[in-house]
Amino acid sequence: MKRLILAAMLATGLAGGAAHADDALKAAIAGEHRSAANKARDAARHPYETLTFFGIKPNMTVVELVPGGGWYTEILAPYLRPNGKMIAAGQAFVPEKRGGMALKQKFDAAPALYDKVVPAVFEPPATYAIAAPNSVDMVLTFRNLHNWVGQGDEALKTTFKEIHKVLKPGGVLGIVDHRLPAKMTQDAKASTGYVHEAWVIKTVESAGFKLAGKSEVNANPKDTADHEKGVWTLPPVLSNKDKDREKYMAIGESDRMTLKFVKQ
């Protein structure tokens, strides 16, 4: 009987902890600190489903590579702040780096959200000062990989080896990027912004990772990936401006692969 009671208590505690983590993630996504414009994109980016698929937990050490304007950072920072650690790895916070300085200004303007975020420099193929080896539970990158393709295969493999290095054994690499249909040709620089899913899997696994799962949560079957100005033809960029605007708005944001890898 004592064993049954103990088992029930442990099960309840585990369920309660999972529910608390789930609520914390939902609260970070629904937070008033997020702009209406950013929240409007939740319907296309599915942050809750995406982060849940990757297996994020509030006590993890998580790296976001190339945060850009900080769309996902707005969710990750408050979620990880109480019990975890967030590392924002991108351009250095120096005057000559516009992207880095813009992110720094965002952090400085809201210390209650970002005071515990650790900045790091990730500027492939030159600098990979992400974190100490074997110190990170999860590395995430959203719609960035296509920008690294032009480095060439060997440089790209080095990039993933450097990511592999900072993860703990069994640590997770989560990738979201624009997906090119297998029947279409991918150019060497991925100039349209789209890349083949099979090629991404092969490239990442060659650096010591193993594919742990795929999700179609960010799929969009309306996207044919053959637009005049590549993926940037679609919202939110709409590079053609008012030309065929209704057509591209009806398509919506790009078809995206969502891939989870683990460090071997």
C-alpha atoms as a PDB file:
ATOM      1  CA  MET A   1       0.000   0.000   0.000  1.00  0.00           C
ATOM      2  CA  LYS A   2       2.805   2.427   0.908  1.00  0.00           C
ATOM      3  CA  ARG A   3       4.407   1.744  -2.441  1.00  0.00           C
ATOM      4  CA  LEU A   4       1.129   2.471  -4.233  1.00  0.00           C
ATOM      5  CA  ILE A   5       0.692   5.737  -2.319  1.00  0.00           C
ATOM      6  CA  LEU A   6       4.286   6.777  -3.071  1.00  0.00           C
ATOM      7  CA  ALA A   7       3.837   5.941  -6.746  1.00  0.00           C
ATOM      8  CA  ALA A   8       0.650   7.972  -6.870  1.00  0.00           C
ATOM      9  CA  MET A   9       2.361  10.924  -5.179  1.00  0.00           C
ATOM     10  CA  LEU A  10       5.261  10.783  -7.617  1.00  0.00           C
ATOM     11  CA  ALA A  11       2.914  10.562 -10.588  1.00  0.00           C
ATOM     12  CA  THR A  12       0.898  13.519  -9.333  1.00  0.00           C
ATOM     13  CA  GLY A  13       4.042  15.547  -8.770  1.00  0.00           C
ATOM     14  CA  LEU A  14       5.364  14.783 -12.232  1.00  0.00           C
ATOM     15  CA  ALA A  15       2.028  15.643 -13.812  1.00  0.00           C
ATOM     16  CA  GLY A  16       1.847  18.840 -11.803  1.00  0.00           C
ATOM     17  CA  GLY A  17       5.348  19.824 -12.879  1.00  0.00           C
ATOM     18  CA  ALA A  18       4.531  19.172 -16.523  1.00  0.00           C
ATOM     19  CA  ALA A  19       1.323  21.170 -16.241  1.00  0.00           C
ATOM     20  CA  HIS A  20       3.177  24.050 -14.591  1.00  0.00           C
ATOM     21  CA  ALA A  21       5.776  24.101 -17.382  1.00  0.00           C
ATOM     22  CA  ASP A  22       2.991  23.987 -19.957  1.00  0.00           C
ATOM     23  CA  ASP A  23       1.185  26.890 -18.297  1.00  0.00           C
ATOM     24  CA  ALA A  24       4.421  28.885 -18.098  1.00  0.00           C
ATOM     25  CA  LEU A  25       5.002  28.503 -21.829  1.00  0.00           C
ATOM     26  CA  LYS A  26       1.436  29.526 -22.648  1.00  0.00           C
ATOM     27  CA  ALA A  27       1.785  32.528 -20.334  1.00  0.00           C
ATOM     28  CA  ALA A  28       5.016  33.639 -22.047  1.00  0.00           C
ATOM     29  CA  ILE A  29       3.319  33.421 -25.447  1.00  0.00           C
ATOM     30  CA  ALA A  30       0.243  35.310 -24.244  1.00  0.00           C
ATOM     31  CA  GLY A  31       2.272  37.923 -22.353  1.00  0.00           C
ATOM     32  CA  GLU A  32       1.357  41.598 -22.616  1.00  0.00           C
ATOM     33  CA  HIS A  33       5.000  42.413 -23.359  1.00  0.00           C
ATOM     34  CA  ARG A  34       4.523  40.999 -26.878  1.00  0.00           C
ATOM     35  CA  SER A  35       3.308  43.397 -29.536  1.00  0.00           C
ATOM     36  CA  ALA A  36       0.023  42.843 -31.344  1.00  0.00           C
ATOM     37  CA  ALA A  37       1.960  42.476 -34.602  1.00  0.00           C
ATOM     38  CA  ASN A  38       4.114  39.698 -33.175  1.00  0.00           C
ATOM     39  CA  LYS A  39       1.151  37.890 -31.658  1.00  0.00           C
ATOM     40  CA  ALA A  40      -0.635  38.060 -35.002  1.00  0.00           C
ATOM     41  CA  ARG A  41       2.097  35.856 -36.464  1.00  0.00           C
ATOM     42  CA  ASP A  42       1.487  33.084 -33.933  1.00  0.00           C
ATOM     43  CA  ALA A  43      -1.081  31.626 -36.320  1.00  0.00           C
ATOM     44  CA  ALA A  44       1.676  31.061 -38.914  1.00  0.00           C
ATOM     45  CA  ARG A  45       4.612  30.335 -36.607  1.00  0.00           C
ATOM     46  CA  HIS A  46       2.893  28.138 -34.000  1.00  0.00           C
ATOM     47  CA  PRO A  47       5.320  28.893 -31.162  1.00  0.00           C
ATOM     48  CA  TYR A  48       3.588  26.734 -28.560  1.00  0.00           C
ATOM     49  CA  GLU A  49       3.370  23.660 -30.768  1.00  0.00           C
ATOM     50  CA  THR A  50       6.884  24.180 -32.144  1.00  0.00           C
ATOM     51  CA  LEU A  51       8.605  24.590 -28.781  1.00  0.00           C
ATOM     52  CA  THR A  52       6.605  21.734 -27.283  1.00  0.00           C
ATOM     53  CA  PHE A  53       7.671  19.479 -30.153  1.00  0.00           C
ATOM     54  CA  PHE A  54      11.307  20.334 -29.490  1.00  0.00           C
ATOM     55  CA  GLY A  55      10.762  19.370 -25.842  1.00  0.00           C
ATOM     56  CA  ILE A  56      11.644  22.644 -24.173  1.00  0.00           C
ATOM     57  CA  LYS A  57      11.511  22.786 -20.350  1.00  0.00           C
ATOM     58  CA  PRO A  58      11.683  25.899 -18.129  1.00  0.00           C
ATOM     59  CA  ASN A  59      14.825  24.726 -16.304  1.00  0.00           C
ATOM     60  CA  MET A  60      16.906  24.214 -19.454  1.00  0.00           C
ATOM     61  CA  THR A  61      19.868  26.147 -20.771  1.00  0.00           C
ATOM     62  CA  VAL A  62      18.735  27.154 -24.246  1.00  0.00           C
ATOM     63  CA  VAL A  63      20.604  28.903 -27.060  1.00  0.00           C
ATOM     64  CA  GLU A  64      18.743  30.825 -29.727  1.00  0.00           C
ATOM     65  CA  LEU A  65      20.974  31.270 -32.756  1.00  0.00           C
ATOM     66  CA  VAL A  66      20.636  34.527 -34.684  1.00  0.00           C
ATOM     67  CA  PRO A  67      17.628  35.954 -32.811  1.00  0.00           C
ATOM     68  CA  GLY A  68      17.191  38.735 -35.384  1.00  0.00           C
ATOM     69  CA  GLY A  69      14.528  41.113 -34.130  1.00  0.00           C
ATOM     70  CA  GLY A  70      13.835  38.850 -31.175  1.00  0.00           C
ATOM     71  CA  TRP A  71      10.445  37.415 -32.139  1.00  0.00           C
ATOM     72  CA  TYR A  72      11.109  34.085 -30.428  1.00  0.00           C
ATOM     73  CA  THR A  73      13.317  35.734 -27.806  1.00  0.00           C
ATOM     74  CA  GLU A  74      10.226  37.530 -26.473  1.00  0.00           C
ATOM     75  CA  ILE A  75       8.824  34.112 -25.605  1.00  0.00           C
ATOM     76  CA  LEU A  76      11.975  32.277 -24.576  1.00  0.00           C
ATOM     77  CA  ALA A  77      13.429  34.932 -22.269  1.00  0.00           C
ATOM     78  CA  PRO A  78      10.527  35.219 -19.801  1.00  0.00           C
ATOM     79  CA  TYR A  79       9.853  31.480 -19.974  1.00  0.00           C
ATOM     80  CA  LEU A  80      13.432  30.566 -19.038  1.00  0.00           C
ATOM     81  CA  ARG A  81      14.113  33.503 -16.716  1.00  0.00           C
ATOM     82  CA  PRO A  82      12.926  32.003 -13.370  1.00  0.00           C
ATOM     83  CA  ASN A  83      14.626  28.588 -13.475  1.00  0.00           C
ATOM     84  CA  GLY A  84      16.561  28.235 -16.703  1.00  0.00           C
ATOM     85  CA  LYS A  85      19.052  30.153 -18.795  1.00  0.00           C
ATOM     86  CA  MET A  86      18.792  31.738 -22.196  1.00  0.00           C
ATOM     87  CA  ILE A  87      21.756  32.494 -24.440  1.00  0.00           C
ATOM     88  CA  ALA A  88      21.127  34.804 -27.405  1.00  0.00           C
ATOM     89  CA  ALA A  89      23.877  34.013 -29.892  1.00  0.00           C
ATOM     90  CA  GLY A  90      24.168  36.334 -32.859  1.00  0.00           C
ATOM     91  CA  GLN A  91      25.965  39.506 -33.857  1.00  0.00           C
ATOM     92  CA  ALA A  92      28.257  41.088 -31.289  1.00  0.00           C
ATOM     93  CA  PHE A  93      26.869  44.030 -29.317  1.00  0.00           C
ATOM     94  CA  VAL A  94      29.239  46.555 -30.896  1.00  0.00           C
ATOM     95  CA  PRO A  95      28.434  49.773 -32.821  1.00  0.00           C
ATOM     96  CA  GLU A  96      29.485  48.419 -36.195  1.00  0.00           C
ATOM     97  CA  LYS A  97      26.936  45.587 -35.953  1.00  0.00           C
ATOM     98  CA  ARG A  98      23.461  47.047 -36.553  1.00  0.00           C
ATOM     99  CA  GLY A  99      21.604  43.822 -35.799  1.00  0.00           C
ATOM    100  CA  GLY A 100      23.510  43.256 -32.584  1.00  0.00           C
ATOM    101  CA  MET A 101      22.944  46.807 -31.381  1.00  0.00           C
ATOM    102  CA  ALA A 102      19.222  46.642 -32.200  1.00  0.00           C
ATOM    103  CA  LEU A 103      18.871  43.517 -30.073  1.00  0.00           C
ATOM    104  CA  LYS A 104      20.875  45.120 -27.266  1.00  0.00           C
ATOM    105  CA  GLN A 105      18.537  48.129 -27.308  1.00  0.00           C
ATOM    106  CA  LYS A 106      15.570  45.760 -27.085  1.00  0.00           C
ATOM    107  CA  PHE A 107      17.122  44.077 -24.063  1.00  0.00           C
ATOM    108  CA  ASP A 108      18.079  47.363 -22.380  1.00  0.00           C
ATOM    109  CA  ALA A 109      14.548  48.724 -22.821  1.00  0.00           C
ATOM    110  CA  ALA A 110      12.959  45.871 -20.864  1.00  0.00           C
ATOM    111  CA  PRO A 111      15.332  44.624 -18.159  1.00  0.00           C
ATOM    112  CA  ALA A 112      12.539  42.828 -16.307  1.00  0.00           C
ATOM    113  CA  LEU A 113      12.325  40.479 -19.282  1.00  0.00           C
ATOM    114  CA  TYR A 114      15.873  40.324 -20.585  1.00  0.00           C
ATOM    115  CA  ASP A 115      18.216  41.066 -17.682  1.00  0.00           C
ATOM    116  CA  LYS A 116      19.239  37.405 -17.386  1.00  0.00           C
ATOM    117  CA  VAL A 117      19.701  36.748 -21.101  1.00  0.00           C
ATOM    118  CA  VAL A 118      23.344  35.965 -21.839  1.00  0.00           C
ATOM    119  CA  PRO A 119      24.627  37.456 -25.117  1.00  0.00           C
ATOM    120  CA  ALA A 120      27.050  35.384 -27.182  1.00  0.00           C
ATOM    121  CA  VAL A 121      28.681  35.807 -30.589  1.00  0.00           C
ATOM    122  CA  PHE A 122      27.702  33.476 -33.396  1.00  0.00           C
ATOM    123  CA  GLU A 123      28.778  34.828 -36.784  1.00  0.00           C
ATOM    124  CA  PRO A 124      29.581  31.882 -39.054  1.00  0.00           C
ATOM    125  CA  PRO A 125      31.930  31.054 -40.561  1.00  0.00           C
ATOM    126  CA  ALA A 126      34.225  33.373 -38.562  1.00  0.00           C
ATOM    127  CA  THR A 127      33.095  33.249 -34.917  1.00  0.00           C
ATOM    128  CA  TYR A 128      31.428  30.558 -32.825  1.00  0.00           C
ATOM    129  CA  ALA A 129      31.676  31.867 -29.251  1.00  0.00           C
ATOM    130  CA  ILE A 130      28.332  30.319 -28.315  1.00  0.00           C
ATOM    131  CA  ALA A 131      28.908  28.591 -24.977  1.00  0.00           C
ATOM    132  CA  ALA A 132      31.223  26.195 -23.160  1.00  0.00           C
ATOM    133  CA  PRO A 133      31.457  22.651 -24.524  1.00  0.00           C
ATOM    134  CA  ASN A 134      28.770  20.230 -23.270  1.00  0.00           C
ATOM    135  CA  SER A 135      26.938  22.967 -21.349  1.00  0.00           C
ATOM    136  CA  VAL A 136      23.680  23.475 -23.263  1.00  0.00           C
ATOM    137  CA  ASP A 137      20.430  21.486 -23.246  1.00  0.00           C
ATOM    138  CA  MET A 138      18.934  22.890 -26.436  1.00  0.00           C
ATOM    139  CA  VAL A 139      19.933  24.989 -29.446  1.00  0.00           C
ATOM    140  CA  LEU A 140      17.194  26.561 -31.560  1.00  0.00           C
ATOM    141  CA  THR A 141      17.331  28.355 -34.878  1.00  0.00           C
ATOM    142  CA  PHE A 142      14.377  29.720 -36.777  1.00  0.00           C
ATOM    143  CA  ARG A 143      14.593  30.448 -40.523  1.00  0.00           C
ATOM    144  CA  ASN A 144      18.341  31.023 -40.496  1.00  0.00           C
ATOM    145  CA  LEU A 145      19.903  27.925 -42.012  1.00  0.00           C
ATOM    146  CA  HIS A 146      19.218  29.030 -45.590  1.00  0.00           C
ATOM    147  CA  ASN A 147      21.433  32.059 -44.951  1.00  0.00           C
ATOM    148  CA  TRP A 148      24.375  29.781 -44.106  1.00  0.00           C
ATOM    149  CA  VAL A 149      24.155  27.624 -47.240  1.00  0.00           C
ATOM    150  CA  GLY A 150      26.305  30.008 -49.277  1.00  0.00           C
ATOM    151  CA  GLN A 151      29.260  29.267 -46.975  1.00  0.00           C
ATOM    152  CA  GLY A 152      29.752  25.989 -48.843  1.00  0.00           C
ATOM    153  CA  ASP A 153      29.367  22.431 -47.632  1.00  0.00           C
ATOM    154  CA  GLU A 154      32.514  22.218 -45.528  1.00  0.00           C
ATOM    155  CA  ALA A 155      31.932  25.546 -43.783  1.00  0.00           C
ATOM    156  CA  LEU A 156      28.326  24.589 -43.107  1.00  0.00           C
ATOM    157  CA  LYS A 157      29.421  21.264 -41.653  1.00  0.00           C
ATOM    158  CA  THR A 158      31.843  23.157 -39.399  1.00  0.00           C
ATOM    159  CA  THR A 159      28.971  25.353 -38.228  1.00  0.00           C
ATOM    160  CA  PHE A 160      26.964  22.317 -37.165  1.00  0.00           C
ATOM    161  CA  LYS A 161      29.997  20.728 -35.522  1.00  0.00           C
ATOM    162  CA  GLU A 162      30.417  23.890 -33.435  1.00  0.00           C
ATOM    163  CA  ILE A 163      26.744  23.702 -32.458  1.00  0.00           C
ATOM    164  CA  HIS A 164      27.210  20.019 -31.639  1.00  0.00           C
ATOM    165  CA  LYS A 165      30.167  20.876 -29.421  1.00  0.00           C
ATOM    166  CA  VAL A 166      28.236  23.115 -27.011  1.00  0.00           C
ATOM    167  CA  LEU A 167      25.338  20.703 -26.500  1.00  0.00           C
ATOM    168  CA  LYS A 168      25.291  18.157 -23.709  1.00  0.00           C
ATOM    169  CA  PRO A 169      25.144  14.505 -24.776  1.00  0.00           C
ATOM    170  CA  GLY A 170      21.547  13.913 -25.808  1.00  0.00           C
ATOM    171  CA  GLY A 171      20.980  17.649 -26.193  1.00  0.00           C
ATOM    172  CA  VAL A 172      18.507  18.892 -28.790  1.00  0.00           C
ATOM    173  CA  LEU A 173      18.985  20.967 -31.929  1.00  0.00           C
ATOM    174  CA  GLY A 174      15.702  22.372 -33.244  1.00  0.00           C
ATOM    175  CA  ILE A 175      15.538  23.775 -36.774  1.00  0.00           C
ATOM    176  CA  VAL A 176      12.723  25.557 -38.585  1.00  0.00           C
ATOM    177  CA  ASP A 177      13.318  26.674 -42.173  1.00  0.00           C
ATOM    178  CA  HIS A 178      11.672  27.231 -45.526  1.00  0.00           C
ATOM    179  CA  ARG A 179      11.181  23.919 -47.332  1.00  0.00           C
ATOM    180  CA  LEU A 180      11.891  23.436 -51.031  1.00  0.00           C
ATOM    181  CA  PRO A 181       9.854  20.672 -52.716  1.00  0.00           C
ATOM    182  CA  ALA A 182      12.018  17.652 -53.516  1.00  0.00           C
ATOM    183  CA  LYS A 183      11.168  17.902 -57.226  1.00  0.00           C
ATOM    184  CA  MET A 184      12.632  21.419 -57.459  1.00  0.00           C
ATOM    185  CA  THR A 185      16.343  22.177 -57.842  1.00  0.00           C
ATOM    186  CA  GLN A 186      18.165  23.814 -54.958  1.00  0.00           C
ATOM    187  CA  ASP A 187      20.901  26.198 -56.040  1.00  0.00           C
ATOM    188  CA  ALA A 188      24.224  26.253 -54.237  1.00  0.00           C
ATOM    189  CA  LYS A 189      23.425  29.417 -52.299  1.00  0.00           C
ATOM    190  CA  ALA A 190      19.725  28.767 -51.589  1.00  0.00           C
ATOM    191  CA  SER A 191      19.066  32.175 -53.098  1.00  0.00           C
ATOM    192  CA  THR A 192      15.285  31.712 -52.976  1.00  0.00           C
ATOM    193  CA  GLY A 193      15.421  31.091 -49.216  1.00  0.00           C
ATOM    194  CA  TYR A 194      14.152  27.535 -49.653  1.00  0.00           C
ATOM    195  CA  VAL A 195      16.158  24.348 -48.964  1.00  0.00           C
ATOM    196  CA  HIS A 196      15.516  20.637 -49.376  1.00  0.00           C
ATOM    197  CA  GLU A 197      14.514  18.895 -46.162  1.00  0.00           C
ATOM    198  CA  ALA A 198      16.436  15.724 -47.050  1.00  0.00           C
ATOM    199  CA  TRP A 199      19.574  17.760 -47.695  1.00  0.00           C
ATOM    200  CA  VAL A 200      19.245  19.531 -44.343  1.00  0.00           C
ATOM    201  CA  ILE A 201      18.883  16.213 -42.528  1.00  0.00           C
ATOM    202  CA  LYS A 202      21.920  14.732 -44.305  1.00  0.00           C
ATOM    203  CA  THR A 203      24.039  17.823 -43.625  1.00  0.00           C
ATOM    204  CA  VAL A 204      23.163  18.043 -39.926  1.00  0.00           C
ATOM    205  CA  GLU A 205      23.588  14.311 -39.343  1.00  0.00           C
ATOM    206  CA  SER A 206      27.047  14.455 -40.937  1.00  0.00           C
ATOM    207  CA  ALA A 207      28.089  16.691 -38.021  1.00  0.00           C
ATOM    208  CA  GLY A 208      27.230  14.064 -35.387  1.00  0.00           C
ATOM    209  CA  PHE A 209      23.507  14.550 -34.866  1.00  0.00           C
ATOM    210  CA  LYS A 210      20.670  12.075 -35.292  1.00  0.00           C
ATOM    211  CA  LEU A 211      17.225  13.046 -36.518  1.00  0.00           C
ATOM    212  CA  ALA A 212      14.804  12.491 -33.626  1.00  0.00           C
ATOM    213  CA  GLY A 213      11.617  13.636 -35.291  1.00  0.00           C
ATOM    214  CA  LYS A 214       9.804  15.783 -37.826  1.00  0.00           C
ATOM    215  CA  SER A 215       6.704  17.892 -37.345  1.00  0.00           C
ATOM    216  CA  GLU A 216       4.356  19.329 -39.944  1.00  0.00           C
ATOM    217  CA  VAL A 217       3.106  22.010 -37.554  1.00  0.00           C
ATOM    218  CA  ASN A 218       4.654  24.740 -39.723  1.00  0.00           C
ATOM    219  CA  ALA A 219       3.713  23.192 -43.064  1.00  0.00           C
ATOM    220  CA  ASN A 220       1.785  25.204 -45.645  1.00  0.00           C
ATOM    221  CA  PRO A 221       0.587  23.165 -48.656  1.00  0.00           C
ATOM    222  CA  LYS A 222      -0.485  26.371 -50.424  1.00  0.00           C
ATOM    223  CA  ASP A 223       3.143  27.443 -50.827  1.00  0.00           C
ATOM    224  CA  THR A 224       4.560  26.341 -54.196  1.00  0.00           C
ATOM    225  CA  ALA A 225       8.032  27.798 -53.468  1.00  0.00           C
ATOM    226  CA  ASP A 226       8.347  29.196 -57.010  1.00  0.00           C
ATOM    227  CA  HIS A 227       7.742  32.880 -56.349  1.00  0.00           C
ATOM    228  CA  GLU A 228       9.291  35.774 -58.268  1.00  0.00           C
ATOM    229  CA  LYS A 229      11.433  36.973 -55.367  1.00  0.00           C
ATOM    230  CA  GLY A 230      11.753  33.748 -53.470  1.00  0.00           C
ATOM    231  CA  VAL A 231      10.320  33.254 -50.015  1.00  0.00           C
ATOM    232  CA  TRP A 232      10.381  37.012 -49.446  1.00  0.00           C
ATOM    233  CA  THR A 233       7.544  37.371 -51.957  1.00  0.00           C
ATOM    234  CA  LEU A 234       5.243  35.955 -49.284  1.00  0.00           C
ATOM    235  CA  PRO A 235       4.148  37.652 -46.060  1.00  0.00           C
ATOM    236  CA  PRO A 236       5.370  39.118 -43.862  1.00  0.00           C
ATOM    237  CA  VAL A 237       7.974  40.674 -46.216  1.00  0.00           C
ATOM    238  CA  LEU A 238       5.805  40.943 -49.361  1.00  0.00           C
ATOM    239  CA  SER A 239       8.762  42.073 -51.457  1.00  0.00           C
ATOM    240  CA  ASN A 240       6.509  42.759 -54.452  1.00  0.00           C
ATOM    241  CA  LYS A 241       4.616  45.253 -52.277  1.00  0.00           C
ATOM    242  CA  ASP A 242       1.124  45.736 -53.733  1.00  0.00           C
ATOM    243  CA  LYS A 243       1.701  43.569 -56.807  1.00  0.00           C
ATOM    244  CA  ASP A 244      -0.464  40.443 -56.432  1.00  0.00           C
ATOM    245  CA  ARG A 245      -0.714  41.231 -52.737  1.00  0.00           C
ATOM    246  CA  GLU A 246      -4.035  39.452 -52.271  1.00  0.00           C
ATOM    247  CA  LYS A 247      -2.661  36.341 -53.965  1.00  0.00           C
ATOM    248  CA  TYR A 248       0.322  36.122 -51.651  1.00  0.00           C
ATOM    249  CA  MET A 249      -1.664  36.973 -48.553  1.00  0.00           C
ATOM    250  CA  ALA A 250      -4.002  34.105 -49.455  1.00  0.00           C
ATOM    251  CA  ILE A 251      -1.016  31.749 -49.619  1.00  0.00           C
ATOM    252  CA  GLY A 252       0.281  32.961 -46.275  1.00  0.00           C
ATOM    253  CA  GLU A 253       3.744  32.410 -44.834  1.00  0.00           C
ATOM    254  CA  SER A 254       6.097  29.812 -46.300  1.00  0.00           C
ATOM    255  CA  ASP A 255       5.960  26.055 -46.060  1.00  0.00           C
ATOM    256  CA  ARG A 256       8.457  25.181 -43.322  1.00  0.00           C
ATOM    257  CA  MET A 257      10.191  22.064 -42.137  1.00  0.00           C
ATOM    258  CA  THR A 258      10.405  21.582 -38.372  1.00  0.00           C
ATOM    259  CA  LEU A 259      13.189  19.161 -37.459  1.00  0.00           C
ATOM    260  CA  LYS A 260      14.413  17.865 -34.104  1.00  0.00           C
ATOM    261  CA  PHE A 261      17.925  16.430 -33.820  1.00  0.00           C
ATOM    262  CA  VAL A 262      19.778  14.994 -30.836  1.00  0.00           C
ATOM    263  CA  LYS A 263      23.509  15.021 -30.140  1.00  0.00           C
ATOM    264  CA  GLN A 264      25.030  11.574 -30.473  1.00  0.00           C
END
